[in-house]
Amino acid sequence: MATRWGICSAGKISHDFTVALRTLAPQDHEIVAVAARNLEHAQEFAKKHNIPRAYGSYEELAKDADIDVVYVGTIHPHHLSSGTLFMRSRKSVLVEKPLAMNAREVRALITAARDNNVFLMEAIWTRFFPVSLEVRRLLAQGDVGEVQMVRADLGAPLTHVPRLAEKNLGGGALLDLGIYCLQFVFMVYNGERPESIQATGHCLDTGVDGTAVLVLKFSGNRMAVCTCSMTMMLTCDAVISGTKGTIKVPHHMWCPTTLEVNGKERQFPLPEPGMPLNFTNSTGLRYEAEEVRRCLLQGLKESPGMPWSDSSLLAEVMDEARRQLGVTYDQDGVQ
C-alpha cells in the first residue's frame, strides 16, 4: 500500500519535493492533497502537479483522514505551529530544515511527536543521498583510519532573497546554510556533542548572520570547522581527514552526487526530474521520502539516519553560535 502524502505550503521547495516524489514508484508514494494559506495558490499547485485535493488552510489538511504523513515546506518560523497542528491530528510529519527556530521549539516538536505517538523527522535530505550512505559505510569500516578533522563550507551571494535576509522570516546563514555543514560534522562524529564551540562572523543590517565560521572541538582532540555565508561564494565542499586517508565531497556538499576517496572519484547520478526544479539536484529529495516510508512501514517514530537527538544537537549548537554572533529571533524570548 502506498504512503499517502499531504503537502503543507505551495511554495518552491514543496514544488521540488513533489517532483521528487514523482520519481518514485506510484504504488509506494501517493500525493493526496496540498494546502496553502491561499486557496487559489493551493488549487494552482494541485492542478500543476495533478493532486486530487486542494485546501485553503492547514487545518483542513490536518483533518483529512486519508493522509499518513505531511511534508511541511513552510518558512522556518512556522515549523513549530504547522508541525504541532498535524501531529495533534495524529499525522506523521517530515518538517523542512531547520526543524524549528531554536532548541526550545525543537524540544516542543519532539514532545508533540511523543505525546501523539507519531513519526517526526527533520528533512535533512543530505543524510539520505547515496553519497552520504557511502561516506557512513567507509567510516564504519575504517577506510580512512581515525578521523581527526572535518571541514565543511557552504556559501553563495543570497542577500537578495528575503527569506534568507529578513529576521522575521527566519533568515540567517547559519539556519539555512550552516545547518548543512553542522549536520555533516555530526554525521561523521556519530552525533557526539562537541566539547567546545567557538563562533565568529558578521551580521547584516537586518540583524541576521551574513557569514559565520564555527570551530568545534570534540573528545580526543578531534576538530571540525564549518563556514557558511550568504554574502559570498564559497567552495561548497566537505573534507574528512583521517589517519589513513581523506574523504572529500568535492562540490554541492548539501546535495552531493560526487565522492572522492583518497583521490579516486566516483559519481552517484540522480534521476531526471519530470518538470523544471527551483533548486539544485532536488530530485534527491526522493531519498528522504523513501526513508520516511521505510520508517513508517517498520513502525518507527524517528529515523535512525536523522534521529531526534541529532536535531536537538543541531539546534543547541546553532543557538550557542548565534549567542556568540549576537543574533536573536523573537522566538528566543518566548518561554
C-alpha atoms as a PDB file:
ATOM      1  CA  MET A   1       0.000   0.000   0.000  1.00  0.00           C
ATOM      2  CA  ALA A   2       1.227   3.470  -0.869  1.00  0.00           C
ATOM      3  CA  THR A   3       2.359   6.010   1.709  1.00  0.00           C
ATOM      4  CA  ARG A   4      -0.206   8.817   1.403  1.00  0.00           C
ATOM      5  CA  TRP A   5       1.333  12.295   1.485  1.00  0.00           C
ATOM      6  CA  GLY A   6      -0.109  15.692   2.240  1.00  0.00           C
ATOM      7  CA  ILE A   7       1.854  18.771   1.175  1.00  0.00           C
ATOM      8  CA  CYS A   8       1.799  21.785   3.503  1.00  0.00           C
ATOM      9  CA  SER A   9       2.642  25.023   1.650  1.00  0.00           C
ATOM     10  CA  ALA A  10       2.590  25.553  -2.103  1.00  0.00           C
ATOM     11  CA  GLY A  11       5.996  27.222  -2.337  1.00  0.00           C
ATOM     12  CA  LYS A  12       9.188  26.479  -4.241  1.00  0.00           C
ATOM     13  CA  ILE A  13      10.545  23.696  -2.041  1.00  0.00           C
ATOM     14  CA  SER A  14       7.147  21.965  -1.958  1.00  0.00           C
ATOM     15  CA  HIS A  15       7.174  22.016  -5.764  1.00  0.00           C
ATOM     16  CA  ASP A  16      10.582  20.356  -5.835  1.00  0.00           C
ATOM     17  CA  PHE A  17       9.616  17.788  -3.201  1.00  0.00           C
ATOM     18  CA  THR A  18       6.503  16.894  -5.193  1.00  0.00           C
ATOM     19  CA  VAL A  19       8.552  16.497  -8.384  1.00  0.00           C
ATOM     20  CA  ALA A  20      10.994  14.287  -6.465  1.00  0.00           C
ATOM     21  CA  LEU A  21       8.165  12.120  -5.093  1.00  0.00           C
ATOM     22  CA  ARG A  22       7.005  11.529  -8.642  1.00  0.00           C
ATOM     23  CA  THR A  23      10.359   9.902  -9.491  1.00  0.00           C
ATOM     24  CA  LEU A  24       9.395   7.108  -7.074  1.00  0.00           C
ATOM     25  CA  ALA A  25       7.019   4.209  -7.732  1.00  0.00           C
ATOM     26  CA  PRO A  26       3.360   5.381  -7.551  1.00  0.00           C
ATOM     27  CA  GLN A  27       2.434   2.182  -5.716  1.00  0.00           C
ATOM     28  CA  ASP A  28       4.786   3.333  -2.920  1.00  0.00           C
ATOM     29  CA  HIS A  29       4.097   7.083  -2.753  1.00  0.00           C
ATOM     30  CA  GLU A  30       0.812   8.868  -3.407  1.00  0.00           C
ATOM     31  CA  ILE A  31       0.148  12.612  -3.030  1.00  0.00           C
ATOM     32  CA  VAL A  32      -3.392  13.030  -1.719  1.00  0.00           C
ATOM     33  CA  ALA A  33      -3.688  16.759  -1.011  1.00  0.00           C
ATOM     34  CA  VAL A  34      -1.944  20.120  -0.846  1.00  0.00           C
ATOM     35  CA  ALA A  35      -2.720  23.058   1.439  1.00  0.00           C
ATOM     36  CA  ALA A  36      -1.738  26.718   1.310  1.00  0.00           C
ATOM     37  CA  ARG A  37      -2.956  29.738   3.262  1.00  0.00           C
ATOM     38  CA  ASN A  38      -4.401  30.944  -0.048  1.00  0.00           C
ATOM     39  CA  LEU A  39      -6.855  28.502  -1.667  1.00  0.00           C
ATOM     40  CA  GLU A  40      -6.073  29.793  -5.159  1.00  0.00           C
ATOM     41  CA  HIS A  41      -2.378  29.018  -4.698  1.00  0.00           C
ATOM     42  CA  ALA A  42      -3.223  25.528  -3.467  1.00  0.00           C
ATOM     43  CA  GLN A  43      -5.540  24.930  -6.431  1.00  0.00           C
ATOM     44  CA  GLU A  44      -2.888  26.112  -8.895  1.00  0.00           C
ATOM     45  CA  PHE A  45      -0.331  23.796  -7.271  1.00  0.00           C
ATOM     46  CA  ALA A  46      -2.776  20.870  -7.304  1.00  0.00           C
ATOM     47  CA  LYS A  47      -3.572  21.407 -10.972  1.00  0.00           C
ATOM     48  CA  LYS A  48       0.099  21.714 -11.922  1.00  0.00           C
ATOM     49  CA  HIS A  49       1.022  18.503 -10.067  1.00  0.00           C
ATOM     50  CA  ASN A  50      -2.200  16.542 -10.632  1.00  0.00           C
ATOM     51  CA  ILE A  51      -3.041  16.340  -6.910  1.00  0.00           C
ATOM     52  CA  PRO A  52      -6.679  15.373  -6.145  1.00  0.00           C
ATOM     53  CA  ARG A  53      -7.451  17.796  -3.303  1.00  0.00           C
ATOM     54  CA  ALA A  54      -6.523  21.406  -2.519  1.00  0.00           C
ATOM     55  CA  TYR A  55      -7.169  23.244   0.744  1.00  0.00           C
ATOM     56  CA  GLY A  56      -7.019  26.933   1.638  1.00  0.00           C
ATOM     57  CA  SER A  57      -5.933  26.263   5.216  1.00  0.00           C
ATOM     58  CA  TYR A  58      -3.549  23.924   7.021  1.00  0.00           C
ATOM     59  CA  GLU A  59      -6.358  22.997   9.444  1.00  0.00           C
ATOM     60  CA  GLU A  60      -8.330  21.400   6.596  1.00  0.00           C
ATOM     61  CA  LEU A  61      -5.279  19.353   5.590  1.00  0.00           C
ATOM     62  CA  ALA A  62      -4.886  18.236   9.214  1.00  0.00           C
ATOM     63  CA  LYS A  63      -8.488  16.951   9.209  1.00  0.00           C
ATOM     64  CA  ASP A  64      -8.057  14.893   6.001  1.00  0.00           C
ATOM     65  CA  ALA A  65      -8.328  11.281   7.168  1.00  0.00           C
ATOM     66  CA  ASP A  66      -6.677   9.895   4.003  1.00  0.00           C
ATOM     67  CA  ILE A  67      -3.200  11.228   4.821  1.00  0.00           C
ATOM     68  CA  ASP A  68      -0.424   9.246   6.537  1.00  0.00           C
ATOM     69  CA  VAL A  69       2.316  11.877   6.588  1.00  0.00           C
ATOM     70  CA  VAL A  70       2.594  15.611   5.889  1.00  0.00           C
ATOM     71  CA  TYR A  71       5.575  17.314   4.300  1.00  0.00           C
ATOM     72  CA  VAL A  72       5.918  20.748   5.953  1.00  0.00           C
ATOM     73  CA  GLY A  73       7.518  23.160   3.485  1.00  0.00           C
ATOM     74  CA  THR A  74       6.654  26.431   5.233  1.00  0.00           C
ATOM     75  CA  ILE A  75       9.233  29.069   6.198  1.00  0.00           C
ATOM     76  CA  HIS A  76      11.228  28.376   9.386  1.00  0.00           C
ATOM     77  CA  PRO A  77       9.157  30.420  11.884  1.00  0.00           C
ATOM     78  CA  HIS A  78       6.029  28.392  11.027  1.00  0.00           C
ATOM     79  CA  HIS A  79       7.556  24.936  11.510  1.00  0.00           C
ATOM     80  CA  LEU A  80       6.563  24.651  15.161  1.00  0.00           C
ATOM     81  CA  SER A  81       2.911  25.644  14.705  1.00  0.00           C
ATOM     82  CA  SER A  82       2.430  23.652  11.480  1.00  0.00           C
ATOM     83  CA  GLY A  83       4.212  20.543  12.721  1.00  0.00           C
ATOM     84  CA  THR A  84       2.292  20.584  16.010  1.00  0.00           C
ATOM     85  CA  LEU A  85      -1.039  21.035  14.212  1.00  0.00           C
ATOM     86  CA  PHE A  86      -0.538  17.911  12.101  1.00  0.00           C
ATOM     87  CA  MET A  87       0.872  15.771  14.897  1.00  0.00           C
ATOM     88  CA  ARG A  88      -2.102  16.617  17.116  1.00  0.00           C
ATOM     89  CA  SER A  89      -4.244  15.278  14.269  1.00  0.00           C
ATOM     90  CA  ARG A  90      -2.269  12.011  14.560  1.00  0.00           C
ATOM     91  CA  LYS A  91      -0.348  12.591  11.353  1.00  0.00           C
ATOM     92  CA  SER A  92       3.330  11.857  10.921  1.00  0.00           C
ATOM     93  CA  VAL A  93       5.432  14.777   9.695  1.00  0.00           C
ATOM     94  CA  LEU A  94       8.546  15.468   7.664  1.00  0.00           C
ATOM     95  CA  VAL A  95       9.477  19.057   8.557  1.00  0.00           C
ATOM     96  CA  GLU A  96      11.845  21.079   6.394  1.00  0.00           C
ATOM     97  CA  LYS A  97      15.121  22.052   7.982  1.00  0.00           C
ATOM     98  CA  PRO A  98      15.813  23.661  10.327  1.00  0.00           C
ATOM     99  CA  LEU A  99      13.293  21.664  12.357  1.00  0.00           C
ATOM    100  CA  ALA A 100      12.488  24.844  14.286  1.00  0.00           C
ATOM    101  CA  MET A 101      13.895  28.273  15.177  1.00  0.00           C
ATOM    102  CA  ASN A 102      15.739  27.172  18.308  1.00  0.00           C
ATOM    103  CA  ALA A 103      16.330  24.249  20.682  1.00  0.00           C
ATOM    104  CA  ARG A 104      13.275  25.076  22.798  1.00  0.00           C
ATOM    105  CA  GLU A 105      10.997  24.785  19.752  1.00  0.00           C
ATOM    106  CA  VAL A 106      12.725  21.574  18.664  1.00  0.00           C
ATOM    107  CA  ARG A 107      12.034  20.072  22.082  1.00  0.00           C
ATOM    108  CA  ALA A 108       8.372  21.114  21.772  1.00  0.00           C
ATOM    109  CA  LEU A 109       8.039  19.323  18.425  1.00  0.00           C
ATOM    110  CA  ILE A 110       9.685  16.175  19.774  1.00  0.00           C
ATOM    111  CA  THR A 111       7.334  16.272  22.778  1.00  0.00           C
ATOM    112  CA  ALA A 112       4.350  16.606  20.428  1.00  0.00           C
ATOM    113  CA  ALA A 113       5.549  13.575  18.441  1.00  0.00           C
ATOM    114  CA  ARG A 114       5.892  11.533  21.645  1.00  0.00           C
ATOM    115  CA  ASP A 115       2.549  12.677  23.061  1.00  0.00           C
ATOM    116  CA  ASN A 116       0.697  11.817  19.849  1.00  0.00           C
ATOM    117  CA  ASN A 117       2.697   8.668  19.072  1.00  0.00           C
ATOM    118  CA  VAL A 118       3.589   9.772  15.519  1.00  0.00           C
ATOM    119  CA  PHE A 119       6.704   9.821  13.362  1.00  0.00           C
ATOM    120  CA  LEU A 120       8.702  13.064  13.168  1.00  0.00           C
ATOM    121  CA  MET A 121      11.814  13.770  11.106  1.00  0.00           C
ATOM    122  CA  GLU A 122      13.764  16.892  10.256  1.00  0.00           C
ATOM    123  CA  ALA A 123      14.162  16.997   6.475  1.00  0.00           C
ATOM    124  CA  ILE A 124      17.962  16.908   6.353  1.00  0.00           C
ATOM    125  CA  TRP A 125      17.768  15.404   2.872  1.00  0.00           C
ATOM    126  CA  THR A 126      21.566  15.277   2.525  1.00  0.00           C
ATOM    127  CA  ARG A 127      21.723  12.440   5.072  1.00  0.00           C
ATOM    128  CA  PHE A 128      19.945  10.033   2.723  1.00  0.00           C
ATOM    129  CA  PHE A 129      21.795  10.669  -0.540  1.00  0.00           C
ATOM    130  CA  PRO A 130      23.741   7.624  -1.794  1.00  0.00           C
ATOM    131  CA  VAL A 131      26.944   9.674  -1.329  1.00  0.00           C
ATOM    132  CA  SER A 132      26.167  10.156   2.375  1.00  0.00           C
ATOM    133  CA  LEU A 133      25.334   6.471   2.848  1.00  0.00           C
ATOM    134  CA  GLU A 134      28.663   5.594   1.240  1.00  0.00           C
ATOM    135  CA  VAL A 135      30.535   8.038   3.495  1.00  0.00           C
ATOM    136  CA  ARG A 136      28.997   6.342   6.538  1.00  0.00           C
ATOM    137  CA  ARG A 137      29.951   2.914   5.203  1.00  0.00           C
ATOM    138  CA  LEU A 138      33.552   3.968   4.552  1.00  0.00           C
ATOM    139  CA  LEU A 139      33.856   5.474   8.030  1.00  0.00           C
ATOM    140  CA  ALA A 140      32.337   2.406   9.687  1.00  0.00           C
ATOM    141  CA  GLN A 141      34.832   0.072   8.029  1.00  0.00           C
ATOM    142  CA  GLY A 142      37.748   2.386   8.844  1.00  0.00           C
ATOM    143  CA  ASP A 143      38.845   3.225   5.301  1.00  0.00           C
ATOM    144  CA  VAL A 144      40.490   6.499   6.386  1.00  0.00           C
ATOM    145  CA  GLY A 145      41.501   5.380   9.854  1.00  0.00           C
ATOM    146  CA  GLU A 146      40.720   7.573  12.856  1.00  0.00           C
ATOM    147  CA  VAL A 147      39.036  10.830  11.850  1.00  0.00           C
ATOM    148  CA  GLN A 148      40.978  13.855  13.080  1.00  0.00           C
ATOM    149  CA  MET A 149      39.397  16.790  11.241  1.00  0.00           C
ATOM    150  CA  VAL A 150      36.171  17.568   9.386  1.00  0.00           C
ATOM    151  CA  ARG A 151      35.769  20.720   7.313  1.00  0.00           C
ATOM    152  CA  ALA A 152      32.593  21.831   5.554  1.00  0.00           C
ATOM    153  CA  ASP A 153      31.866  25.056   3.638  1.00  0.00           C
ATOM    154  CA  LEU A 154      28.654  26.323   2.076  1.00  0.00           C
ATOM    155  CA  GLY A 155      28.052  29.809   0.760  1.00  0.00           C
ATOM    156  CA  ALA A 156      26.634  31.879  -2.084  1.00  0.00           C
ATOM    157  CA  PRO A 157      25.570  35.534  -2.537  1.00  0.00           C
ATOM    158  CA  LEU A 158      21.935  35.307  -1.410  1.00  0.00           C
ATOM    159  CA  THR A 159      21.266  38.545   0.465  1.00  0.00           C
ATOM    160  CA  HIS A 160      18.683  39.491  -2.200  1.00  0.00           C
ATOM    161  CA  VAL A 161      16.425  36.612  -1.036  1.00  0.00           C
ATOM    162  CA  PRO A 162      14.039  37.940   1.651  1.00  0.00           C
ATOM    163  CA  ARG A 163      13.596  34.506   3.266  1.00  0.00           C
ATOM    164  CA  LEU A 164      17.333  34.476   3.977  1.00  0.00           C
ATOM    165  CA  ALA A 165      17.902  38.139   4.794  1.00  0.00           C
ATOM    166  CA  GLU A 166      14.872  39.093   6.896  1.00  0.00           C
ATOM    167  CA  LYS A 167      14.833  38.254  10.602  1.00  0.00           C
ATOM    168  CA  ASN A 168      11.037  37.876  10.851  1.00  0.00           C
ATOM    169  CA  LEU A 169      11.180  35.253   8.065  1.00  0.00           C
ATOM    170  CA  GLY A 170      13.773  33.215   9.946  1.00  0.00           C
ATOM    171  CA  GLY A 171      16.723  34.465   7.904  1.00  0.00           C
ATOM    172  CA  GLY A 172      20.423  33.972   8.528  1.00  0.00           C
ATOM    173  CA  ALA A 173      23.258  31.970   7.008  1.00  0.00           C
ATOM    174  CA  LEU A 174      23.511  29.591   9.946  1.00  0.00           C
ATOM    175  CA  LEU A 175      19.901  28.332   9.971  1.00  0.00           C
ATOM    176  CA  ASP A 176      19.704  27.976   6.207  1.00  0.00           C
ATOM    177  CA  LEU A 177      23.227  27.008   5.120  1.00  0.00           C
ATOM    178  CA  GLY A 178      25.361  26.330   8.180  1.00  0.00           C
ATOM    179  CA  ILE A 179      22.980  23.581   9.253  1.00  0.00           C
ATOM    180  CA  TYR A 180      24.194  21.514   6.286  1.00  0.00           C
ATOM    181  CA  CYS A 181      27.806  21.862   7.386  1.00  0.00           C
ATOM    182  CA  LEU A 182      26.992  21.030  11.005  1.00  0.00           C
ATOM    183  CA  GLN A 183      24.846  18.009  10.168  1.00  0.00           C
ATOM    184  CA  PHE A 184      27.757  16.653   8.091  1.00  0.00           C
ATOM    185  CA  VAL A 185      30.096  17.029  11.072  1.00  0.00           C
ATOM    186  CA  PHE A 186      27.641  15.317  13.424  1.00  0.00           C
ATOM    187  CA  MET A 187      27.092  12.527  10.904  1.00  0.00           C
ATOM    188  CA  VAL A 188      30.856  11.886  10.812  1.00  0.00           C
ATOM    189  CA  TYR A 189      31.210  12.088  14.609  1.00  0.00           C
ATOM    190  CA  ASN A 190      28.095   9.946  15.221  1.00  0.00           C
ATOM    191  CA  GLY A 191      26.029  12.618  16.949  1.00  0.00           C
ATOM    192  CA  GLU A 192      28.676  13.360  19.564  1.00  0.00           C
ATOM    193  CA  ARG A 193      28.347  16.655  21.423  1.00  0.00           C
ATOM    194  CA  PRO A 194      31.373  18.943  20.942  1.00  0.00           C
ATOM    195  CA  GLU A 195      33.424  19.859  24.000  1.00  0.00           C
ATOM    196  CA  SER A 196      33.690  23.459  22.846  1.00  0.00           C
ATOM    197  CA  ILE A 197      32.101  25.767  20.262  1.00  0.00           C
ATOM    198  CA  GLN A 198      33.711  28.955  19.007  1.00  0.00           C
ATOM    199  CA  ALA A 199      31.800  31.126  16.549  1.00  0.00           C
ATOM    200  CA  THR A 200      32.682  34.346  14.800  1.00  0.00           C
ATOM    201  CA  GLY A 201      31.349  36.186  11.766  1.00  0.00           C
ATOM    202  CA  HIS A 202      29.374  39.262  10.805  1.00  0.00           C
ATOM    203  CA  CYS A 203      25.737  40.298  10.638  1.00  0.00           C
ATOM    204  CA  LEU A 204      23.677  42.067   8.010  1.00  0.00           C
ATOM    205  CA  ASP A 205      21.886  45.336   8.734  1.00  0.00           C
ATOM    206  CA  THR A 206      18.732  43.239   9.202  1.00  0.00           C
ATOM    207  CA  GLY A 207      20.274  41.628  12.294  1.00  0.00           C
ATOM    208  CA  VAL A 208      20.811  38.132  10.892  1.00  0.00           C
ATOM    209  CA  ASP A 209      24.193  36.487  10.364  1.00  0.00           C
ATOM    210  CA  GLY A 210      25.616  37.014   6.893  1.00  0.00           C
ATOM    211  CA  THR A 211      28.723  34.887   7.398  1.00  0.00           C
ATOM    212  CA  ALA A 212      29.619  32.548  10.237  1.00  0.00           C
ATOM    213  CA  VAL A 213      32.703  30.454  10.996  1.00  0.00           C
ATOM    214  CA  LEU A 214      32.399  27.754  13.653  1.00  0.00           C
ATOM    215  CA  VAL A 215      35.270  25.818  15.216  1.00  0.00           C
ATOM    216  CA  LEU A 216      34.177  22.728  17.137  1.00  0.00           C
ATOM    217  CA  LYS A 217      36.426  20.618  19.348  1.00  0.00           C
ATOM    218  CA  PHE A 218      35.463  17.033  20.129  1.00  0.00           C
ATOM    219  CA  SER A 219      36.879  14.456  22.542  1.00  0.00           C
ATOM    220  CA  GLY A 220      40.343  13.144  21.718  1.00  0.00           C
ATOM    221  CA  ASN A 221      41.382  16.467  20.119  1.00  0.00           C
ATOM    222  CA  ARG A 222      39.248  15.831  17.050  1.00  0.00           C
ATOM    223  CA  MET A 223      38.250  19.051  15.319  1.00  0.00           C
ATOM    224  CA  ALA A 224      35.704  20.468  12.883  1.00  0.00           C
ATOM    225  CA  VAL A 225      35.490  23.778  11.043  1.00  0.00           C
ATOM    226  CA  CYS A 226      32.258  24.960   9.419  1.00  0.00           C
ATOM    227  CA  THR A 227      31.964  28.087   7.276  1.00  0.00           C
ATOM    228  CA  CYS A 228      28.667  29.390   5.932  1.00  0.00           C
ATOM    229  CA  SER A 229      27.834  32.611   4.132  1.00  0.00           C
ATOM    230  CA  MET A 230      25.081  34.294   2.181  1.00  0.00           C
ATOM    231  CA  THR A 231      27.327  37.204   1.243  1.00  0.00           C
ATOM    232  CA  MET A 232      29.939  35.320  -0.813  1.00  0.00           C
ATOM    233  CA  MET A 233      30.520  32.228  -2.912  1.00  0.00           C
ATOM    234  CA  LEU A 234      32.383  29.502  -1.027  1.00  0.00           C
ATOM    235  CA  THR A 235      33.764  26.154  -2.223  1.00  0.00           C
ATOM    236  CA  CYS A 236      30.663  24.260  -1.011  1.00  0.00           C
ATOM    237  CA  ASP A 237      32.697  21.137  -0.304  1.00  0.00           C
ATOM    238  CA  ALA A 238      33.341  18.896   2.676  1.00  0.00           C
ATOM    239  CA  VAL A 239      36.504  17.036   3.675  1.00  0.00           C
ATOM    240  CA  ILE A 240      37.096  14.295   6.247  1.00  0.00           C
ATOM    241  CA  SER A 241      40.749  13.857   7.206  1.00  0.00           C
ATOM    242  CA  GLY A 242      41.776  10.630   8.908  1.00  0.00           C
ATOM    243  CA  THR A 243      44.988   8.907   9.969  1.00  0.00           C
ATOM    244  CA  LYS A 244      44.898   6.715   6.827  1.00  0.00           C
ATOM    245  CA  GLY A 245      43.409   8.995   4.182  1.00  0.00           C
ATOM    246  CA  THR A 246      40.831  11.529   3.073  1.00  0.00           C
ATOM    247  CA  ILE A 247      37.186  11.502   2.031  1.00  0.00           C
ATOM    248  CA  LYS A 248      36.037  14.517   0.056  1.00  0.00           C
ATOM    249  CA  VAL A 249      32.660  15.695  -1.194  1.00  0.00           C
ATOM    250  CA  PRO A 250      34.172  17.998  -3.841  1.00  0.00           C
ATOM    251  CA  HIS A 251      31.134  20.189  -4.548  1.00  0.00           C
ATOM    252  CA  HIS A 252      27.404  20.571  -3.793  1.00  0.00           C
ATOM    253  CA  MET A 253      28.027  19.146  -0.324  1.00  0.00           C
ATOM    254  CA  TRP A 254      24.366  19.726   0.617  1.00  0.00           C
ATOM    255  CA  CYS A 255      23.068  17.606  -2.319  1.00  0.00           C
ATOM    256  CA  PRO A 256      26.115  15.547  -3.372  1.00  0.00           C
ATOM    257  CA  THR A 257      26.479  13.350  -6.440  1.00  0.00           C
ATOM    258  CA  THR A 258      30.297  13.010  -6.390  1.00  0.00           C
ATOM    259  CA  LEU A 259      32.591  11.412  -3.848  1.00  0.00           C
ATOM    260  CA  GLU A 260      36.382  11.399  -3.767  1.00  0.00           C
ATOM    261  CA  VAL A 261      38.151   8.809  -1.597  1.00  0.00           C
ATOM    262  CA  ASN A 262      41.940   9.146  -1.400  1.00  0.00           C
ATOM    263  CA  GLY A 263      41.914  10.952  -4.739  1.00  0.00           C
ATOM    264  CA  LYS A 264      39.677   8.420  -6.507  1.00  0.00           C
ATOM    265  CA  GLU A 265      36.405   9.930  -7.736  1.00  0.00           C
ATOM    266  CA  ARG A 266      33.018   8.226  -8.059  1.00  0.00           C
ATOM    267  CA  GLN A 267      29.710   9.520  -9.430  1.00  0.00           C
ATOM    268  CA  PHE A 268      26.248   8.886  -7.983  1.00  0.00           C
ATOM    269  CA  PRO A 269      23.823  10.358 -10.577  1.00  0.00           C
ATOM    270  CA  LEU A 270      20.296  11.464  -9.723  1.00  0.00           C
ATOM    271  CA  PRO A 271      17.129  10.637 -11.681  1.00  0.00           C
ATOM    272  CA  GLU A 272      15.913  13.292 -14.106  1.00  0.00           C
ATOM    273  CA  PRO A 273      13.003  15.489 -12.962  1.00  0.00           C
ATOM    274  CA  GLY A 274       9.628  15.356 -14.700  1.00  0.00           C
ATOM    275  CA  MET A 275       9.394  19.169 -14.740  1.00  0.00           C
ATOM    276  CA  PRO A 276      11.749  22.103 -14.058  1.00  0.00           C
ATOM    277  CA  LEU A 277      13.069  22.474 -10.486  1.00  0.00           C
ATOM    278  CA  ASN A 278      13.687  25.557  -8.346  1.00  0.00           C
ATOM    279  CA  PHE A 279      16.813  24.279  -6.589  1.00  0.00           C
ATOM    280  CA  THR A 280      19.928  22.251  -7.392  1.00  0.00           C
ATOM    281  CA  ASN A 281      19.652  18.432  -7.503  1.00  0.00           C
ATOM    282  CA  SER A 282      16.156  18.482  -5.994  1.00  0.00           C
ATOM    283  CA  THR A 283      15.185  15.044  -7.277  1.00  0.00           C
ATOM    284  CA  GLY A 284      17.460  13.951  -4.426  1.00  0.00           C
ATOM    285  CA  LEU A 285      14.581  14.848  -2.085  1.00  0.00           C
ATOM    286  CA  ARG A 286      13.261  11.402  -3.046  1.00  0.00           C
ATOM    287  CA  TYR A 287      15.749   9.746  -0.706  1.00  0.00           C
ATOM    288  CA  GLU A 288      14.333  11.335   2.453  1.00  0.00           C
ATOM    289  CA  ALA A 289      10.828  10.385   1.274  1.00  0.00           C
ATOM    290  CA  GLU A 290      11.992   6.781   0.894  1.00  0.00           C
ATOM    291  CA  GLU A 291      13.412   6.923   4.424  1.00  0.00           C
ATOM    292  CA  VAL A 292      10.078   8.181   5.797  1.00  0.00           C
ATOM    293  CA  ARG A 293       8.210   5.311   4.108  1.00  0.00           C
ATOM    294  CA  ARG A 294      10.730   2.765   5.396  1.00  0.00           C
ATOM    295  CA  CYS A 295      10.359   4.067   8.953  1.00  0.00           C
ATOM    296  CA  LEU A 296       6.554   4.150   8.784  1.00  0.00           C
ATOM    297  CA  LEU A 297       6.423   0.563   7.488  1.00  0.00           C
ATOM    298  CA  GLN A 298       8.640  -0.503  10.393  1.00  0.00           C
ATOM    299  CA  GLY A 299       6.526   1.366  12.929  1.00  0.00           C
ATOM    300  CA  LEU A 300       9.384   3.707  13.899  1.00  0.00           C
ATOM    301  CA  LYS A 301       8.736   7.146  15.389  1.00  0.00           C
ATOM    302  CA  GLU A 302      12.125   8.583  14.444  1.00  0.00           C
ATOM    303  CA  SER A 303      14.698   7.858  11.752  1.00  0.00           C
ATOM    304  CA  PRO A 304      17.950   6.131  12.722  1.00  0.00           C
ATOM    305  CA  GLY A 305      19.598   8.227   9.979  1.00  0.00           C
ATOM    306  CA  MET A 306      18.326  11.556  11.350  1.00  0.00           C
ATOM    307  CA  PRO A 307      17.281  10.888  14.957  1.00  0.00           C
ATOM    308  CA  TRP A 308      15.694  13.432  17.290  1.00  0.00           C
ATOM    309  CA  SER A 309      18.941  13.602  19.251  1.00  0.00           C
ATOM    310  CA  ASP A 310      20.744  14.938  16.158  1.00  0.00           C
ATOM    311  CA  SER A 311      18.026  17.538  15.567  1.00  0.00           C
ATOM    312  CA  SER A 312      18.313  18.644  19.196  1.00  0.00           C
ATOM    313  CA  LEU A 313      22.101  18.811  18.998  1.00  0.00           C
ATOM    314  CA  LEU A 314      21.974  20.847  15.775  1.00  0.00           C
ATOM    315  CA  ALA A 315      19.581  23.351  17.334  1.00  0.00           C
ATOM    316  CA  GLU A 316      21.580  23.625  20.570  1.00  0.00           C
ATOM    317  CA  VAL A 317      24.866  24.223  18.744  1.00  0.00           C
ATOM    318  CA  MET A 318      23.244  26.795  16.429  1.00  0.00           C
ATOM    319  CA  ASP A 319      21.694  28.532  19.469  1.00  0.00           C
ATOM    320  CA  GLU A 320      25.126  28.822  21.079  1.00  0.00           C
ATOM    321  CA  ALA A 321      26.733  30.000  17.822  1.00  0.00           C
ATOM    322  CA  ARG A 322      24.005  32.638  17.412  1.00  0.00           C
ATOM    323  CA  ARG A 323      24.561  33.759  21.009  1.00  0.00           C
ATOM    324  CA  GLN A 324      28.240  34.332  20.237  1.00  0.00           C
ATOM    325  CA  LEU A 325      27.382  36.096  16.967  1.00  0.00           C
ATOM    326  CA  GLY A 326      24.740  38.281  18.603  1.00  0.00           C
ATOM    327  CA  VAL A 327      21.788  37.010  16.553  1.00  0.00           C
ATOM    328  CA  THR A 328      18.416  36.707  18.290  1.00  0.00           C
ATOM    329  CA  TYR A 329      14.922  35.988  16.978  1.00  0.00           C
ATOM    330  CA  ASP A 330      11.546  36.860  18.501  1.00  0.00           C
ATOM    331  CA  GLN A 331      11.113  33.139  19.205  1.00  0.00           C
ATOM    332  CA  ASP A 332      14.160  33.189  21.535  1.00  0.00           C
ATOM    333  CA  GLY A 333      12.305  35.427  24.003  1.00  0.00           C
ATOM    334  CA  VAL A 334       9.301  33.118  24.373  1.00  0.00           C
ATOM    335  CA  GLN A 335       9.378  30.935  27.483  1.00  0.00           C
END
